[in-house]
Amino acid sequence: MARIRTFSAVLAAGVLASVVWAASAWAGGPSGVIEGDENISQAVGSGLLDGTLVGYTATGVDNAAASAAVIAACERAGAVECSRDEVTNDNLCVVSVGADDGSGIVAGGAGPTVEAARDDAFRHAEMAGVPLDPAARILASACP
């Protein structure tokens, strides 16, 4: 009997967790899809143009389109080693941060302000084990 109660409790918890997960996932709509004209995906990226780190911004109907557009903008400008550094459709600012110290380290971040997004980029670089130079500059930024 104790096994049945334990199993029932585990089953109930699992069902509850799956309902909560499904409801929260559905509340924001499908991942990367924009609803309404006021919401668009925006991406920032970077590349090397004549040996200098340069940033780019682009938008798209979803995160994949914005990512492709920022790479295309970088390549159209003649830059090399183009990357998409951050993308969002969550009404957040996004930034691409890089240092002119020759390290080639670039990181992207997102936040409610450009400054918060820059701090997020520094955290991402630190978590990846490649900390940015404190003098790293914002290469590109975009806010809703």
N, C-alpha and C. Protein backbone atom coordinates (compact mmCIF):
# COMPACT_ATOMS: atom_id res chain seq x y z
N MET A 1 0.81 -1.18 0.00
CA MET A 1 0.00 0.00 0.00
C MET A 1 0.87 1.27 0.00
N ALA A 2 1.98 1.23 0.74
CA ALA A 2 2.86 2.39 0.79
C ALA A 2 3.45 2.67 -0.59
N ARG A 3 3.75 1.61 -1.35
CA ARG A 3 4.28 1.80 -2.69
C ARG A 3 3.26 2.49 -3.59
N ILE A 4 2.00 2.13 -3.45
CA ILE A 4 0.96 2.72 -4.28
C ILE A 4 0.82 4.20 -3.96
N ARG A 5 0.84 4.56 -2.69
CA ARG A 5 0.75 5.97 -2.31
C ARG A 5 1.94 6.75 -2.83
N THR A 6 3.13 6.18 -2.70
CA THR A 6 4.33 6.85 -3.20
C THR A 6 4.25 7.02 -4.70
N PHE A 7 3.85 5.96 -5.40
CA PHE A 7 3.73 6.04 -6.85
C PHE A 7 2.68 7.07 -7.23
N SER A 8 1.56 7.10 -6.53
CA SER A 8 0.50 8.07 -6.82
C SER A 8 0.99 9.49 -6.60
N ALA A 9 1.74 9.71 -5.54
CA ALA A 9 2.26 11.04 -5.26
C ALA A 9 3.26 11.46 -6.33
N VAL A 10 4.13 10.56 -6.74
CA VAL A 10 5.11 10.85 -7.79
C VAL A 10 4.39 11.13 -9.10
N LEU A 11 3.39 10.32 -9.43
CA LEU A 11 2.63 10.51 -10.65
C LEU A 11 1.92 11.86 -10.63
N ALA A 12 1.30 12.21 -9.52
CA ALA A 12 0.60 13.49 -9.40
C ALA A 12 1.58 14.65 -9.56
N ALA A 13 2.74 14.55 -8.94
CA ALA A 13 3.74 15.60 -9.06
C ALA A 13 4.22 15.73 -10.49
N GLY A 14 4.41 14.60 -11.17
CA GLY A 14 4.84 14.63 -12.56
C GLY A 14 3.81 15.25 -13.47
N VAL A 15 2.55 14.91 -13.26
CA VAL A 15 1.47 15.49 -14.07
C VAL A 15 1.39 16.99 -13.81
N LEU A 16 1.46 17.40 -12.55
CA LEU A 16 1.40 18.82 -12.22
C LEU A 16 2.57 19.57 -12.86
N ALA A 17 3.77 19.01 -12.77
CA ALA A 17 4.94 19.66 -13.36
C ALA A 17 4.79 19.79 -14.86
N SER A 18 4.27 18.76 -15.52
CA SER A 18 4.13 18.84 -16.97
C SER A 18 3.07 19.85 -17.37
N VAL A 19 2.02 19.99 -16.60
CA VAL A 19 0.98 20.99 -16.89
C VAL A 19 1.55 22.39 -16.70
N VAL A 20 2.28 22.62 -15.61
CA VAL A 20 2.88 23.93 -15.37
C VAL A 20 3.87 24.25 -16.47
N TRP A 21 4.70 23.30 -16.85
CA TRP A 21 5.69 23.52 -17.91
C TRP A 21 5.02 23.85 -19.22
N ALA A 22 4.01 23.08 -19.59
CA ALA A 22 3.31 23.31 -20.86
C ALA A 22 2.61 24.66 -20.85
N ALA A 23 2.00 25.02 -19.75
CA ALA A 23 1.29 26.30 -19.68
C ALA A 23 2.26 27.46 -19.80
N SER A 24 3.42 27.37 -19.13
CA SER A 24 4.37 28.47 -19.20
C SER A 24 5.00 28.56 -20.58
N ALA A 25 5.22 27.43 -21.23
CA ALA A 25 5.78 27.46 -22.58
C ALA A 25 4.78 28.04 -23.55
N TRP A 26 3.52 27.70 -23.41
CA TRP A 26 2.50 28.18 -24.35
C TRP A 26 2.20 29.65 -24.11
N ALA A 27 2.32 30.13 -22.88
CA ALA A 27 1.97 31.51 -22.56
C ALA A 27 2.74 32.50 -23.41
N GLY A 28 3.99 32.22 -23.72
CA GLY A 28 4.79 33.12 -24.53
C GLY A 28 4.71 32.80 -26.00
N GLY A 29 3.96 31.79 -26.38
CA GLY A 29 3.89 31.39 -27.78
C GLY A 29 5.06 30.51 -28.13
N PRO A 30 5.07 30.04 -29.35
CA PRO A 30 6.17 29.19 -29.80
C PRO A 30 7.50 29.93 -29.77
N SER A 31 8.56 29.23 -29.48
CA SER A 31 9.89 29.81 -29.36
C SER A 31 10.31 30.51 -30.65
N GLY A 32 10.76 31.74 -30.51
CA GLY A 32 11.32 32.47 -31.64
C GLY A 32 10.29 33.06 -32.58
N VAL A 33 9.00 32.95 -32.28
CA VAL A 33 7.97 33.47 -33.17
C VAL A 33 7.44 34.78 -32.61
N ILE A 34 7.29 35.76 -33.48
CA ILE A 34 6.85 37.09 -33.09
C ILE A 34 5.36 37.23 -33.33
N GLU A 35 4.66 37.75 -32.35
CA GLU A 35 3.24 38.04 -32.53
C GLU A 35 3.05 39.54 -32.42
N GLY A 36 2.52 40.16 -33.45
CA GLY A 36 2.29 41.60 -33.44
C GLY A 36 3.47 42.34 -34.06
N ASP A 37 3.16 43.51 -34.63
CA ASP A 37 4.18 44.30 -35.31
C ASP A 37 5.14 44.99 -34.34
N GLU A 38 4.73 45.16 -33.08
CA GLU A 38 5.59 45.87 -32.14
C GLU A 38 6.73 44.99 -31.63
N ASN A 39 6.66 43.70 -31.85
CA ASN A 39 7.69 42.77 -31.40
C ASN A 39 8.42 42.18 -32.60
N ILE A 40 9.72 42.38 -32.64
CA ILE A 40 10.52 41.76 -33.68
C ILE A 40 11.76 41.17 -33.02
N SER A 41 12.35 40.21 -33.70
CA SER A 41 13.63 39.69 -33.20
C SER A 41 14.73 40.64 -33.64
N GLN A 42 15.68 40.83 -32.77
CA GLN A 42 16.83 41.67 -33.12
C GLN A 42 18.10 40.93 -32.73
N ALA A 43 19.11 41.12 -33.57
CA ALA A 43 20.38 40.44 -33.35
C ALA A 43 21.52 41.44 -33.46
N VAL A 44 22.58 41.16 -32.73
CA VAL A 44 23.83 41.91 -32.87
C VAL A 44 24.92 40.91 -33.18
N GLY A 45 25.88 41.37 -33.95
CA GLY A 45 26.99 40.50 -34.31
C GLY A 45 28.24 41.32 -34.52
N SER A 46 29.30 40.63 -34.88
CA SER A 46 30.57 41.32 -35.06
C SER A 46 31.39 40.62 -36.12
N GLY A 47 32.40 41.34 -36.57
CA GLY A 47 33.34 40.79 -37.53
C GLY A 47 34.59 41.65 -37.56
N LEU A 48 35.56 41.20 -38.30
CA LEU A 48 36.81 41.95 -38.47
C LEU A 48 36.80 42.65 -39.82
N LEU A 49 36.94 43.95 -39.79
CA LEU A 49 36.99 44.75 -41.00
C LEU A 49 38.31 45.51 -40.99
N ASP A 50 39.18 45.17 -41.91
CA ASP A 50 40.51 45.78 -41.97
C ASP A 50 41.25 45.67 -40.63
N GLY A 51 41.11 44.53 -39.97
CA GLY A 51 41.81 44.26 -38.73
C GLY A 51 41.18 44.87 -37.48
N THR A 52 40.01 45.50 -37.63
CA THR A 52 39.34 46.13 -36.50
C THR A 52 38.02 45.43 -36.22
N LEU A 53 37.71 45.19 -34.94
CA LEU A 53 36.42 44.63 -34.57
C LEU A 53 35.33 45.65 -34.84
N VAL A 54 34.30 45.22 -35.57
CA VAL A 54 33.19 46.10 -35.92
C VAL A 54 31.90 45.37 -35.60
N GLY A 55 30.89 46.11 -35.15
CA GLY A 55 29.61 45.51 -34.79
C GLY A 55 28.52 45.80 -35.80
N TYR A 56 27.52 44.94 -35.81
CA TYR A 56 26.40 45.04 -36.75
C TYR A 56 25.10 44.71 -36.02
N THR A 57 23.99 45.26 -36.51
CA THR A 57 22.67 44.94 -35.98
C THR A 57 21.76 44.56 -37.13
N ALA A 58 20.74 43.78 -36.81
CA ALA A 58 19.74 43.40 -37.81
C ALA A 58 18.49 42.94 -37.09
N THR A 59 17.39 42.92 -37.82
CA THR A 59 16.13 42.44 -37.28
C THR A 59 15.58 41.36 -38.20
N GLY A 60 14.59 40.65 -37.71
CA GLY A 60 13.94 39.61 -38.51
C GLY A 60 12.62 39.21 -37.88
N VAL A 61 11.86 38.42 -38.62
CA VAL A 61 10.55 37.99 -38.13
C VAL A 61 10.66 36.97 -37.01
N ASP A 62 11.81 36.30 -36.91
CA ASP A 62 12.07 35.37 -35.81
C ASP A 62 13.57 35.39 -35.54
N ASN A 63 13.99 34.67 -34.51
CA ASN A 63 15.40 34.69 -34.12
C ASN A 63 16.32 34.17 -35.21
N ALA A 64 15.88 33.15 -35.93
CA ALA A 64 16.71 32.59 -37.01
C ALA A 64 16.90 33.62 -38.12
N ALA A 65 15.84 34.32 -38.48
CA ALA A 65 15.94 35.33 -39.55
C ALA A 65 16.82 36.50 -39.12
N ALA A 66 16.68 36.94 -37.88
CA ALA A 66 17.51 38.04 -37.38
C ALA A 66 18.98 37.62 -37.33
N SER A 67 19.24 36.38 -36.92
CA SER A 67 20.62 35.87 -36.88
C SER A 67 21.23 35.84 -38.27
N ALA A 68 20.48 35.33 -39.24
CA ALA A 68 20.97 35.27 -40.62
C ALA A 68 21.19 36.68 -41.17
N ALA A 69 20.30 37.61 -40.82
CA ALA A 69 20.42 38.97 -41.33
C ALA A 69 21.65 39.69 -40.78
N VAL A 70 22.00 39.45 -39.52
CA VAL A 70 23.17 40.13 -38.96
C VAL A 70 24.46 39.57 -39.57
N ILE A 71 24.50 38.28 -39.83
CA ILE A 71 25.66 37.69 -40.51
C ILE A 71 25.77 38.26 -41.93
N ALA A 72 24.64 38.36 -42.62
CA ALA A 72 24.63 38.90 -43.99
C ALA A 72 25.08 40.36 -44.00
N ALA A 73 24.65 41.16 -43.03
CA ALA A 73 25.06 42.56 -42.96
C ALA A 73 26.57 42.67 -42.77
N CYS A 74 27.12 41.83 -41.93
CA CYS A 74 28.55 41.81 -41.68
C CYS A 74 29.32 41.45 -42.95
N GLU A 75 28.85 40.40 -43.62
CA GLU A 75 29.53 39.96 -44.85
C GLU A 75 29.40 40.99 -45.97
N ARG A 76 28.22 41.63 -46.09
CA ARG A 76 28.03 42.67 -47.11
C ARG A 76 28.99 43.84 -46.89
N ALA A 77 29.32 44.11 -45.64
CA ALA A 77 30.24 45.21 -45.33
C ALA A 77 31.69 44.85 -45.66
N GLY A 78 31.93 43.58 -45.99
CA GLY A 78 33.28 43.15 -46.32
C GLY A 78 34.07 42.61 -45.14
N ALA A 79 33.41 42.43 -44.02
CA ALA A 79 34.09 41.91 -42.84
C ALA A 79 34.29 40.40 -42.95
N VAL A 80 35.22 39.89 -42.17
CA VAL A 80 35.48 38.45 -42.11
C VAL A 80 35.25 37.98 -40.68
N GLU A 81 35.19 36.66 -40.51
CA GLU A 81 34.95 36.05 -39.20
C GLU A 81 33.68 36.62 -38.55
N CYS A 82 32.63 36.75 -39.35
CA CYS A 82 31.37 37.30 -38.87
C CYS A 82 30.68 36.32 -37.92
N SER A 83 30.10 36.87 -36.86
CA SER A 83 29.38 36.03 -35.90
C SER A 83 28.13 36.75 -35.42
N ARG A 84 27.15 35.94 -35.03
CA ARG A 84 25.97 36.48 -34.35
C ARG A 84 26.27 36.32 -32.87
N ASP A 85 26.32 37.43 -32.15
CA ASP A 85 26.74 37.38 -30.76
C ASP A 85 25.57 37.30 -29.77
N GLU A 86 24.42 37.84 -30.13
CA GLU A 86 23.23 37.75 -29.27
C GLU A 86 22.00 38.00 -30.13
N VAL A 87 20.92 37.32 -29.79
CA VAL A 87 19.64 37.51 -30.48
C VAL A 87 18.51 37.33 -29.47
N THR A 88 17.45 38.12 -29.64
CA THR A 88 16.30 38.00 -28.74
C THR A 88 15.05 38.54 -29.41
N ASN A 89 13.93 38.07 -28.94
CA ASN A 89 12.64 38.67 -29.28
C ASN A 89 11.89 38.99 -27.99
N ASP A 90 12.61 39.18 -26.91
CA ASP A 90 12.02 39.36 -25.59
C ASP A 90 11.97 40.80 -25.10
N ASN A 91 11.95 41.77 -26.01
CA ASN A 91 11.90 43.18 -25.62
C ASN A 91 13.04 43.55 -24.68
N LEU A 92 14.22 43.06 -24.98
CA LEU A 92 15.43 43.38 -24.23
C LEU A 92 16.43 44.06 -25.15
N CYS A 93 17.32 44.83 -24.58
CA CYS A 93 18.45 45.36 -25.34
C CYS A 93 19.46 44.23 -25.53
N VAL A 94 20.12 44.24 -26.67
CA VAL A 94 21.18 43.26 -26.93
C VAL A 94 22.44 44.02 -27.32
N VAL A 95 23.58 43.50 -26.92
CA VAL A 95 24.86 44.13 -27.25
C VAL A 95 25.88 43.09 -27.66
N SER A 96 26.82 43.56 -28.43
CA SER A 96 28.01 42.79 -28.76
C SER A 96 29.18 43.58 -28.18
N VAL A 97 30.00 42.93 -27.37
CA VAL A 97 31.11 43.60 -26.69
C VAL A 97 32.41 42.92 -27.10
N GLY A 98 33.42 43.73 -27.42
CA GLY A 98 34.72 43.18 -27.78
C GLY A 98 35.83 44.13 -27.38
N ALA A 99 37.02 43.60 -27.25
CA ALA A 99 38.17 44.40 -26.85
C ALA A 99 39.13 44.54 -28.02
N ASP A 100 39.76 45.68 -28.09
CA ASP A 100 40.75 45.93 -29.13
C ASP A 100 42.15 45.55 -28.65
N ASP A 101 42.23 44.51 -27.81
CA ASP A 101 43.51 44.09 -27.24
C ASP A 101 44.17 42.98 -28.04
N GLY A 102 43.59 42.65 -29.20
CA GLY A 102 44.16 41.60 -30.03
C GLY A 102 43.74 40.20 -29.63
N SER A 103 42.94 40.07 -28.58
CA SER A 103 42.53 38.74 -28.12
C SER A 103 41.47 38.12 -29.03
N GLY A 104 40.71 38.95 -29.71
CA GLY A 104 39.63 38.44 -30.56
C GLY A 104 38.41 37.99 -29.79
N ILE A 105 38.40 38.23 -28.48
CA ILE A 105 37.26 37.80 -27.65
C ILE A 105 36.11 38.78 -27.85
N VAL A 106 34.96 38.21 -28.21
CA VAL A 106 33.73 38.97 -28.37
C VAL A 106 32.64 38.21 -27.64
N ALA A 107 31.75 38.93 -26.97
CA ALA A 107 30.64 38.28 -26.27
C ALA A 107 29.38 39.09 -26.47
N GLY A 108 28.26 38.41 -26.42
CA GLY A 108 26.97 39.08 -26.52
C GLY A 108 26.23 38.98 -25.21
N GLY A 109 25.33 39.93 -25.00
CA GLY A 109 24.52 39.92 -23.79
C GLY A 109 23.19 40.59 -24.03
N ALA A 110 22.26 40.37 -23.12
CA ALA A 110 20.93 40.96 -23.20
C ALA A 110 20.52 41.46 -21.83
N GLY A 111 19.72 42.52 -21.81
CA GLY A 111 19.22 43.06 -20.56
C GLY A 111 18.24 44.18 -20.81
N PRO A 112 17.64 44.70 -19.75
CA PRO A 112 16.64 45.76 -19.91
C PRO A 112 17.22 47.09 -20.38
N THR A 113 18.52 47.29 -20.19
CA THR A 113 19.22 48.49 -20.67
C THR A 113 20.50 48.05 -21.36
N VAL A 114 21.11 48.98 -22.10
CA VAL A 114 22.38 48.67 -22.76
C VAL A 114 23.44 48.32 -21.72
N GLU A 115 23.45 49.04 -20.61
CA GLU A 115 24.44 48.78 -19.57
C GLU A 115 24.25 47.39 -18.96
N ALA A 116 23.00 47.01 -18.71
CA ALA A 116 22.73 45.67 -18.17
C ALA A 116 23.10 44.60 -19.18
N ALA A 117 22.86 44.86 -20.45
CA ALA A 117 23.23 43.90 -21.49
C ALA A 117 24.75 43.76 -21.57
N ARG A 118 25.47 44.87 -21.41
CA ARG A 118 26.94 44.82 -21.41
C ARG A 118 27.44 43.97 -20.24
N ASP A 119 26.85 44.18 -19.07
CA ASP A 119 27.22 43.37 -17.90
C ASP A 119 26.96 41.89 -18.17
N ASP A 120 25.85 41.59 -18.84
CA ASP A 120 25.50 40.21 -19.18
C ASP A 120 26.54 39.61 -20.13
N ALA A 121 27.01 40.41 -21.08
CA ALA A 121 28.05 39.93 -22.01
C ALA A 121 29.33 39.59 -21.25
N PHE A 122 29.70 40.42 -20.29
CA PHE A 122 30.89 40.14 -19.48
C PHE A 122 30.70 38.84 -18.69
N ARG A 123 29.49 38.62 -18.16
CA ARG A 123 29.20 37.37 -17.43
C ARG A 123 29.32 36.17 -18.37
N HIS A 124 28.78 36.29 -19.59
CA HIS A 124 28.87 35.17 -20.54
C HIS A 124 30.32 34.83 -20.84
N ALA A 125 31.14 35.85 -21.06
CA ALA A 125 32.56 35.61 -21.36
C ALA A 125 33.25 34.94 -20.17
N GLU A 126 32.96 35.42 -18.99
CA GLU A 126 33.55 34.84 -17.77
C GLU A 126 33.15 33.38 -17.61
N MET A 127 31.85 33.09 -17.82
CA MET A 127 31.36 31.71 -17.70
C MET A 127 31.98 30.79 -18.75
N ALA A 128 32.34 31.35 -19.90
CA ALA A 128 32.96 30.56 -20.95
C ALA A 128 34.46 30.37 -20.71
N GLY A 129 34.98 31.02 -19.67
CA GLY A 129 36.40 30.87 -19.35
C GLY A 129 37.30 31.77 -20.17
N VAL A 130 36.72 32.77 -20.83
CA VAL A 130 37.50 33.72 -21.63
C VAL A 130 37.08 35.15 -21.27
N PRO A 131 37.48 35.60 -20.08
CA PRO A 131 37.02 36.91 -19.62
C PRO A 131 37.44 38.04 -20.56
N LEU A 132 36.54 39.01 -20.69
CA LEU A 132 36.82 40.19 -21.50
C LEU A 132 37.71 41.16 -20.74
N ASP A 133 38.51 41.89 -21.46
CA ASP A 133 39.29 42.98 -20.89
C ASP A 133 38.29 44.01 -20.35
N PRO A 134 38.53 44.58 -19.17
CA PRO A 134 37.61 45.58 -18.62
C PRO A 134 37.39 46.78 -19.55
N ALA A 135 38.33 47.03 -20.43
CA ALA A 135 38.21 48.15 -21.36
C ALA A 135 37.43 47.78 -22.62
N ALA A 136 36.91 46.57 -22.69
CA ALA A 136 36.16 46.14 -23.87
C ALA A 136 35.02 47.12 -24.14
N ARG A 137 34.79 47.37 -25.42
CA ARG A 137 33.78 48.36 -25.80
C ARG A 137 32.57 47.69 -26.43
N ILE A 138 31.48 48.40 -26.43
CA ILE A 138 30.27 47.92 -27.10
C ILE A 138 30.47 48.11 -28.59
N LEU A 139 30.43 47.01 -29.33
CA LEU A 139 30.60 47.06 -30.78
C LEU A 139 29.28 47.39 -31.47
N ALA A 140 28.19 46.88 -30.93
CA ALA A 140 26.86 47.13 -31.50
C ALA A 140 25.84 46.94 -30.39
N SER A 141 24.75 47.70 -30.48
CA SER A 141 23.66 47.53 -29.53
C SER A 141 22.34 47.79 -30.23
N ALA A 142 21.30 47.17 -29.72
CA ALA A 142 19.95 47.39 -30.25
C ALA A 142 18.97 47.23 -29.09
N CYS A 143 18.03 48.15 -29.01
CA CYS A 143 17.00 48.09 -27.98
C CYS A 143 15.63 48.19 -28.65
N PRO A 144 14.63 47.59 -28.01
CA PRO A 144 13.28 47.68 -28.60
C PRO A 144 12.75 49.11 -28.57
